[in-house]
Amino acid sequence: SCGACVKACPRGIIELRKKGPKGRRIYVSCV
């Protein structure tokens, strides 16, 4: 979660999110 990929993406589709309990996450996979 260093954020280097977030800065590198010109379209801003990469986001740092909480890993979540047991690694479980829900997110909208579209911008």
PDB file of all heavy atoms in Angstrom:
ATOM      1  N   SER A   1       0.821  -1.220   0.000  1.00  0.00           N
ATOM      2  CA  SER A   1       0.000   0.000   0.000  1.00  0.00           C
ATOM      3  C   SER A   1       0.853   1.267   0.000  1.00  0.00           C
ATOM      4  O   SER A   1       0.520   2.241   0.656  1.00  0.00           O
ATOM      5  CB  SER A   1      -0.976   0.009   1.191  1.00  0.00           C
ATOM      6  OG  SER A   1      -0.311   0.130   2.427  1.00  0.00           O
ATOM      7  N   CYS A   2       1.940   1.230  -0.769  1.00  0.00           N
ATOM      8  CA  CYS A   2       2.808   2.407  -0.851  1.00  0.00           C
ATOM      9  C   CYS A   2       2.177   3.508  -1.698  1.00  0.00           C
ATOM     10  O   CYS A   2       2.537   4.674  -1.576  1.00  0.00           O
ATOM     11  CB  CYS A   2       4.174   2.025  -1.408  1.00  0.00           C
ATOM     12  SG  CYS A   2       4.164   1.548  -3.157  1.00  0.00           S
ATOM     13  N   GLY A   3       1.264   3.144  -2.593  1.00  0.00           N
ATOM     14  CA  GLY A   3       0.567   4.140  -3.397  1.00  0.00           C
ATOM     15  C   GLY A   3       1.265   4.512  -4.695  1.00  0.00           C
ATOM     16  O   GLY A   3       0.794   5.394  -5.413  1.00  0.00           O
ATOM     17  N   ALA A   4       2.373   3.849  -5.021  1.00  0.00           N
ATOM     18  CA  ALA A   4       3.098   4.187  -6.256  1.00  0.00           C
ATOM     19  C   ALA A   4       2.243   3.905  -7.491  1.00  0.00           C
ATOM     20  O   ALA A   4       2.250   4.678  -8.455  1.00  0.00           O
ATOM     21  CB  ALA A   4       4.407   3.402  -6.328  1.00  0.00           C
ATOM     22  N   CYS A   5       1.489   2.812  -7.464  1.00  0.00           N
ATOM     23  CA  CYS A   5       0.639   2.477  -8.607  1.00  0.00           C
ATOM     24  C   CYS A   5      -0.514   3.465  -8.742  1.00  0.00           C
ATOM     25  O   CYS A   5      -0.961   3.763  -9.852  1.00  0.00           O
ATOM     26  CB  CYS A   5       0.102   1.055  -8.473  1.00  0.00           C
ATOM     27  SG  CYS A   5      -0.827   0.741  -6.948  1.00  0.00           S
ATOM     28  N   VAL A   6      -0.994   3.963  -7.615  1.00  0.00           N
ATOM     29  CA  VAL A   6      -2.078   4.945  -7.636  1.00  0.00           C
ATOM     30  C   VAL A   6      -1.622   6.203  -8.367  1.00  0.00           C
ATOM     31  O   VAL A   6      -2.351   6.758  -9.198  1.00  0.00           O
ATOM     32  CB  VAL A   6      -2.518   5.291  -6.204  1.00  0.00           C
ATOM     33  CG1 VAL A   6      -3.596   6.364  -6.220  1.00  0.00           C
ATOM     34  CG2 VAL A   6      -3.026   4.044  -5.487  1.00  0.00           C
ATOM     35  N   LYS A   7      -0.411   6.644  -8.065  1.00  0.00           N
ATOM     36  CA  LYS A   7       0.129   7.844  -8.704  1.00  0.00           C
ATOM     37  C   LYS A   7       0.441   7.605 -10.178  1.00  0.00           C
ATOM     38  O   LYS A   7       0.350   8.523 -10.992  1.00  0.00           O
ATOM     39  CB  LYS A   7       1.394   8.293  -7.968  1.00  0.00           C
ATOM     40  CG  LYS A   7       1.161   8.682  -6.521  1.00  0.00           C
ATOM     41  CD  LYS A   7       2.482   9.010  -5.829  1.00  0.00           C
ATOM     42  CE  LYS A   7       2.274   9.323  -4.358  1.00  0.00           C
ATOM     43  NZ  LYS A   7       3.564   9.569  -3.647  1.00  0.00           N
ATOM     44  N   ALA A   8       0.797   6.366 -10.516  1.00  0.00           N
ATOM     45  CA  ALA A   8       1.214   6.073 -11.893  1.00  0.00           C
ATOM     46  C   ALA A   8       0.039   5.965 -12.851  1.00  0.00           C
ATOM     47  O   ALA A   8       0.209   6.183 -14.051  1.00  0.00           O
ATOM     48  CB  ALA A   8       2.022   4.776 -11.929  1.00  0.00           C
ATOM     49  N   CYS A   9      -1.148   5.633 -12.353  1.00  0.00           N
ATOM     50  CA  CYS A   9      -2.300   5.426 -13.239  1.00  0.00           C
ATOM     51  C   CYS A   9      -2.857   6.762 -13.723  1.00  0.00           C
ATOM     52  O   CYS A   9      -3.344   7.567 -12.918  1.00  0.00           O
ATOM     53  CB  CYS A   9      -3.390   4.647 -12.514  1.00  0.00           C
ATOM     54  SG  CYS A   9      -4.852   4.353 -13.545  1.00  0.00           S
ATOM     55  N   PRO A  10      -2.830   7.032 -15.029  1.00  0.00           N
ATOM     56  CA  PRO A  10      -3.312   8.330 -15.525  1.00  0.00           C
ATOM     57  C   PRO A  10      -4.827   8.484 -15.452  1.00  0.00           C
ATOM     58  O   PRO A  10      -5.342   9.596 -15.553  1.00  0.00           O
ATOM     59  CB  PRO A  10      -2.826   8.354 -16.975  1.00  0.00           C
ATOM     60  CG  PRO A  10      -2.747   6.914 -17.366  1.00  0.00           C
ATOM     61  CD  PRO A  10      -2.324   6.182 -16.122  1.00  0.00           C
ATOM     62  N   ARG A  11      -5.540   7.390 -15.265  1.00  0.00           N
ATOM     63  CA  ARG A  11      -7.004   7.452 -15.219  1.00  0.00           C
ATOM     64  C   ARG A  11      -7.562   7.355 -13.798  1.00  0.00           C
ATOM     65  O   ARG A  11      -8.768   7.400 -13.605  1.00  0.00           O
ATOM     66  CB  ARG A  11      -7.590   6.350 -16.102  1.00  0.00           C
ATOM     67  CG  ARG A  11      -7.320   6.620 -17.577  1.00  0.00           C
ATOM     68  CD  ARG A  11      -8.090   5.696 -18.490  1.00  0.00           C
ATOM     69  NE  ARG A  11      -8.062   6.197 -19.863  1.00  0.00           N
ATOM     70  CZ  ARG A  11      -8.578   5.565 -20.901  1.00  0.00           C
ATOM     71  NH1 ARG A  11      -9.161   4.384 -20.727  1.00  0.00           N
ATOM     72  NH2 ARG A  11      -8.529   6.099 -22.102  1.00  0.00           N
ATOM     73  N   GLY A  12      -6.688   7.199 -12.835  1.00  0.00           N
ATOM     74  CA  GLY A  12      -7.133   7.197 -11.441  1.00  0.00           C
ATOM     75  C   GLY A  12      -8.048   6.052 -11.082  1.00  0.00           C
ATOM     76  O   GLY A  12      -8.928   6.211 -10.233  1.00  0.00           O
ATOM     77  N   ILE A  13      -7.852   4.880 -11.693  1.00  0.00           N
ATOM     78  CA  ILE A  13      -8.730   3.759 -11.379  1.00  0.00           C
ATOM     79  C   ILE A  13      -8.190   2.894 -10.246  1.00  0.00           C
ATOM     80  O   ILE A  13      -8.888   2.001  -9.765  1.00  0.00           O
ATOM     81  CB  ILE A  13      -8.984   2.872 -12.618  1.00  0.00           C
ATOM     82  CG1 ILE A  13      -7.686   2.183 -13.054  1.00  0.00           C
ATOM     83  CG2 ILE A  13      -9.559   3.678 -13.754  1.00  0.00           C
ATOM     84  CD1 ILE A  13      -7.912   1.128 -14.110  1.00  0.00           C
ATOM     85  N   ILE A  14      -6.952   3.135  -9.818  1.00  0.00           N
ATOM     86  CA  ILE A  14      -6.379   2.364  -8.711  1.00  0.00           C
ATOM     87  C   ILE A  14      -6.551   3.160  -7.422  1.00  0.00           C
ATOM     88  O   ILE A  14      -6.228   4.346  -7.371  1.00  0.00           O
ATOM     89  CB  ILE A  14      -4.900   2.033  -8.956  1.00  0.00           C
ATOM     90  CG1 ILE A  14      -4.735   1.311 -10.297  1.00  0.00           C
ATOM     91  CG2 ILE A  14      -4.347   1.188  -7.826  1.00  0.00           C
ATOM     92  CD1 ILE A  14      -3.305   0.950 -10.635  1.00  0.00           C
ATOM     93  N   GLU A  15      -7.048   2.489  -6.412  1.00  0.00           N
ATOM     94  CA  GLU A  15      -7.363   3.148  -5.147  1.00  0.00           C
ATOM     95  C   GLU A  15      -6.820   2.317  -3.990  1.00  0.00           C
ATOM     96  O   GLU A  15      -6.812   1.079  -4.052  1.00  0.00           O
ATOM     97  CB  GLU A  15      -8.882   3.300  -5.011  1.00  0.00           C
ATOM     98  CG  GLU A  15      -9.343   3.874  -3.683  1.00  0.00           C
ATOM     99  CD  GLU A  15     -10.853   3.786  -3.508  1.00  0.00           C
ATOM    100  OE1 GLU A  15     -11.515   3.163  -4.362  1.00  0.00           O
ATOM    101  OE2 GLU A  15     -11.355   4.318  -2.513  1.00  0.00           O
ATOM    102  N   LEU A  16      -6.350   2.981  -2.946  1.00  0.00           N
ATOM    103  CA  LEU A  16      -5.973   2.286  -1.725  1.00  0.00           C
ATOM    104  C   LEU A  16      -7.206   2.182  -0.840  1.00  0.00           C
ATOM    105  O   LEU A  16      -7.816   3.192  -0.487  1.00  0.00           O
ATOM    106  CB  LEU A  16      -4.860   3.038  -0.989  1.00  0.00           C
ATOM    107  CG  LEU A  16      -3.482   3.064  -1.655  1.00  0.00           C
ATOM    108  CD1 LEU A  16      -2.495   3.824  -0.780  1.00  0.00           C
ATOM    109  CD2 LEU A  16      -2.964   1.648  -1.918  1.00  0.00           C
ATOM    110  N   ARG A  17      -7.578   0.952  -0.499  1.00  0.00           N
ATOM    111  CA  ARG A  17      -8.739   0.715   0.344  1.00  0.00           C
ATOM    112  C   ARG A  17      -8.341  -0.143   1.542  1.00  0.00           C
ATOM    113  O   ARG A  17      -7.320  -0.838   1.510  1.00  0.00           O
ATOM    114  CB  ARG A  17      -9.855  -0.003  -0.439  1.00  0.00           C
ATOM    115  CG  ARG A  17     -10.462   0.842  -1.544  1.00  0.00           C
ATOM    116  CD  ARG A  17     -11.551   0.072  -2.276  1.00  0.00           C
ATOM    117  NE  ARG A  17     -12.734  -0.143  -1.467  1.00  0.00           N
ATOM    118  CZ  ARG A  17     -13.760   0.713  -1.422  1.00  0.00           C
ATOM    119  NH1 ARG A  17     -13.720   1.843  -2.106  1.00  0.00           N
ATOM    120  NH2 ARG A  17     -14.818   0.439  -0.692  1.00  0.00           N
ATOM    121  N   LYS A  18      -9.152  -0.093   2.576  1.00  0.00           N
ATOM    122  CA  LYS A  18      -8.897  -0.944   3.736  1.00  0.00           C
ATOM    123  C   LYS A  18      -8.962  -2.404   3.305  1.00  0.00           C
ATOM    124  O   LYS A  18      -9.831  -2.804   2.547  1.00  0.00           O
ATOM    125  CB  LYS A  18      -9.927  -0.669   4.824  1.00  0.00           C
ATOM    126  CG  LYS A  18      -9.791   0.709   5.467  1.00  0.00           C
ATOM    127  CD  LYS A  18     -10.819   0.889   6.566  1.00  0.00           C
ATOM    128  CE  LYS A  18     -10.652   2.262   7.227  1.00  0.00           C
ATOM    129  NZ  LYS A  18     -11.655   2.464   8.314  1.00  0.00           N
ATOM    130  N   LYS A  19      -8.002  -3.163   3.806  1.00  0.00           N
ATOM    131  CA  LYS A  19      -7.942  -4.573   3.429  1.00  0.00           C
ATOM    132  C   LYS A  19      -9.181  -5.314   3.901  1.00  0.00           C
ATOM    133  O   LYS A  19      -9.636  -6.250   3.237  1.00  0.00           O
ATOM    134  CB  LYS A  19      -6.688  -5.210   4.014  1.00  0.00           C
ATOM    135  CG  LYS A  19      -6.201  -6.414   3.245  1.00  0.00           C
ATOM    136  CD  LYS A  19      -4.789  -6.773   3.638  1.00  0.00           C
ATOM    137  CE  LYS A  19      -4.231  -7.861   2.722  1.00  0.00           C
ATOM    138  NZ  LYS A  19      -2.833  -8.193   3.066  1.00  0.00           N
ATOM    139  N   GLY A  20      -9.732  -4.901   5.027  1.00  0.00           N
ATOM    140  CA  GLY A  20     -10.978  -5.474   5.516  1.00  0.00           C
ATOM    141  C   GLY A  20     -10.756  -6.691   6.399  1.00  0.00           C
ATOM    142  O   GLY A  20      -9.706  -7.336   6.337  1.00  0.00           O
ATOM    143  N   PRO A  21     -11.733  -7.031   7.223  1.00  0.00           N
ATOM    144  CA  PRO A  21     -11.619  -8.227   8.071  1.00  0.00           C
ATOM    145  C   PRO A  21     -11.495  -9.479   7.237  1.00  0.00           C
ATOM    146  O   PRO A  21     -12.275  -9.694   6.301  1.00  0.00           O
ATOM    147  CB  PRO A  21     -12.926  -8.201   8.885  1.00  0.00           C
ATOM    148  CG  PRO A  21     -13.866  -7.343   8.097  1.00  0.00           C
ATOM    149  CD  PRO A  21     -13.018  -6.332   7.401  1.00  0.00           C
ATOM    150  N   LYS A  22     -10.485 -10.278   7.536  1.00  0.00           N
ATOM    151  CA  LYS A  22     -10.192 -11.506   6.792  1.00  0.00           C
ATOM    152  C   LYS A  22      -9.931 -11.210   5.315  1.00  0.00           C
ATOM    153  O   LYS A  22     -10.097 -12.076   4.454  1.00  0.00           O
ATOM    154  CB  LYS A  22     -11.337 -12.517   6.930  1.00  0.00           C
ATOM    155  CG  LYS A  22     -11.573 -12.988   8.355  1.00  0.00           C
ATOM    156  CD  LYS A  22     -12.684 -14.025   8.419  1.00  0.00           C
ATOM    157  CE  LYS A  22     -12.912 -14.489   9.848  1.00  0.00           C
ATOM    158  NZ  LYS A  22     -13.995 -15.513   9.935  1.00  0.00           N
ATOM    159  N   GLY A  23      -9.525  -9.976   5.024  1.00  0.00           N
ATOM    160  CA  GLY A  23      -9.226  -9.597   3.646  1.00  0.00           C
ATOM    161  C   GLY A  23     -10.447  -9.406   2.775  1.00  0.00           C
ATOM    162  O   GLY A  23     -10.327  -9.307   1.549  1.00  0.00           O
ATOM    163  N   ARG A  24     -11.629  -9.324   3.384  1.00  0.00           N
ATOM    164  CA  ARG A  24     -12.863  -9.212   2.610  1.00  0.00           C
ATOM    165  C   ARG A  24     -13.189  -7.767   2.297  1.00  0.00           C
ATOM    166  O   ARG A  24     -13.160  -6.914   3.187  1.00  0.00           O
ATOM    167  CB  ARG A  24     -14.013  -9.881   3.374  1.00  0.00           C
ATOM    168  CG  ARG A  24     -13.799 -11.367   3.579  1.00  0.00           C
ATOM    169  CD  ARG A  24     -14.865 -11.978   4.466  1.00  0.00           C
ATOM    170  NE  ARG A  24     -14.608 -13.396   4.703  1.00  0.00           N
ATOM    171  CZ  ARG A  24     -15.308 -14.162   5.528  1.00  0.00           C
ATOM    172  NH1 ARG A  24     -16.349 -13.639   6.178  1.00  0.00           N
ATOM    173  NH2 ARG A  24     -14.993 -15.429   5.681  1.00  0.00           N
ATOM    174  N   ARG A  25     -13.509  -7.506   1.039  1.00  0.00           N
ATOM    175  CA  ARG A  25     -13.792  -6.151   0.591  1.00  0.00           C
ATOM    176  C   ARG A  25     -14.926  -6.181  -0.429  1.00  0.00           C
ATOM    177  O   ARG A  25     -15.103  -7.170  -1.140  1.00  0.00           O
ATOM    178  CB  ARG A  25     -12.559  -5.521  -0.073  1.00  0.00           C
ATOM    179  CG  ARG A  25     -11.349  -5.478   0.798  1.00  0.00           C
ATOM    180  CD  ARG A  25     -10.146  -4.875   0.089  1.00  0.00           C
ATOM    181  NE  ARG A  25      -9.681  -5.666  -1.041  1.00  0.00           N
ATOM    182  CZ  ARG A  25      -8.954  -6.766  -0.914  1.00  0.00           C
ATOM    183  NH1 ARG A  25      -8.633  -7.212   0.284  1.00  0.00           N
ATOM    184  NH2 ARG A  25      -8.551  -7.440  -1.979  1.00  0.00           N
ATOM    185  N   ILE A  26     -15.656  -5.085  -0.503  1.00  0.00           N
ATOM    186  CA  ILE A  26     -16.678  -4.889  -1.537  1.00  0.00           C
ATOM    187  C   ILE A  26     -16.466  -3.499  -2.120  1.00  0.00           C
ATOM    188  O   ILE A  26     -16.328  -2.529  -1.372  1.00  0.00           O
ATOM    189  CB  ILE A  26     -18.105  -5.015  -0.959  1.00  0.00           C
ATOM    190  CG1 ILE A  26     -18.343  -6.416  -0.410  1.00  0.00           C
ATOM    191  CG2 ILE A  26     -19.145  -4.700  -2.025  1.00  0.00           C
ATOM    192  CD1 ILE A  26     -19.701  -6.593   0.232  1.00  0.00           C
ATOM    193  N   TYR A  27     -16.420  -3.409  -3.429  1.00  0.00           N
ATOM    194  CA  TYR A  27     -16.213  -2.107  -4.055  1.00  0.00           C
ATOM    195  C   TYR A  27     -16.838  -2.092  -5.443  1.00  0.00           C
ATOM    196  O   TYR A  27     -17.112  -3.145  -6.029  1.00  0.00           O
ATOM    197  CB  TYR A  27     -14.716  -1.767  -4.142  1.00  0.00           C
ATOM    198  CG  TYR A  27     -13.895  -2.770  -4.918  1.00  0.00           C
ATOM    199  CD1 TYR A  27     -13.644  -2.600  -6.280  1.00  0.00           C
ATOM    200  CD2 TYR A  27     -13.356  -3.885  -4.287  1.00  0.00           C
ATOM    201  CE1 TYR A  27     -12.883  -3.515  -6.986  1.00  0.00           C
ATOM    202  CE2 TYR A  27     -12.590  -4.805  -4.985  1.00  0.00           C
ATOM    203  CZ  TYR A  27     -12.361  -4.624  -6.332  1.00  0.00           C
ATOM    204  OH  TYR A  27     -11.617  -5.531  -7.037  1.00  0.00           O
ATOM    205  N   VAL A  28     -17.069  -0.893  -5.936  1.00  0.00           N
ATOM    206  CA  VAL A  28     -17.592  -0.731  -7.293  1.00  0.00           C
ATOM    207  C   VAL A  28     -16.416  -0.755  -8.255  1.00  0.00           C
ATOM    208  O   VAL A  28     -15.556   0.125  -8.221  1.00  0.00           O
ATOM    209  CB  VAL A  28     -18.374   0.591  -7.437  1.00  0.00           C
ATOM    210  CG1 VAL A  28     -18.914   0.737  -8.855  1.00  0.00           C
ATOM    211  CG2 VAL A  28     -19.523   0.643  -6.431  1.00  0.00           C
ATOM    212  N   SER A  29     -16.375  -1.765  -9.103  1.00  0.00           N
ATOM    213  CA  SER A  29     -15.245  -1.943 -10.009  1.00  0.00           C
ATOM    214  C   SER A  29     -15.471  -1.181 -11.316  1.00  0.00           C
ATOM    215  O   SER A  29     -15.421  -1.750 -12.415  1.00  0.00           O
ATOM    216  CB  SER A  29     -15.033  -3.429 -10.292  1.00  0.00           C
ATOM    217  OG  SER A  29     -13.831  -3.632 -11.006  1.00  0.00           O
ATOM    218  N   CYS A  30     -15.717   0.112 -11.192  1.00  0.00           N
ATOM    219  CA  CYS A  30     -15.944   0.962 -12.366  1.00  0.00           C
ATOM    220  C   CYS A  30     -15.842   2.416 -11.947  1.00  0.00           C
ATOM    221  O   CYS A  30     -16.276   2.783 -10.843  1.00  0.00           O
ATOM    222  CB  CYS A  30     -17.318   0.690 -12.969  1.00  0.00           C
ATOM    223  SG  CYS A  30     -17.689   1.684 -14.442  1.00  0.00           S
ATOM    224  N   VAL A  31     -15.261   3.242 -12.806  1.00  0.00           N
ATOM    225  CA  VAL A  31     -15.186   4.684 -12.547  1.00  0.00           C
ATOM    226  C   VAL A  31     -15.757   5.484 -13.715  1.00  0.00           C
ATOM    227  O   VAL A  31     -15.533   6.694 -13.820  1.00  0.00           O
ATOM    228  CB  VAL A  31     -13.723   5.128 -12.265  1.00  0.00           C
ATOM    229  CG1 VAL A  31     -13.188   4.485 -11.001  1.00  0.00           C
ATOM    230  CG2 VAL A  31     -12.810   4.815 -13.458  1.00  0.00           C
TER     231      VAL A  31
END
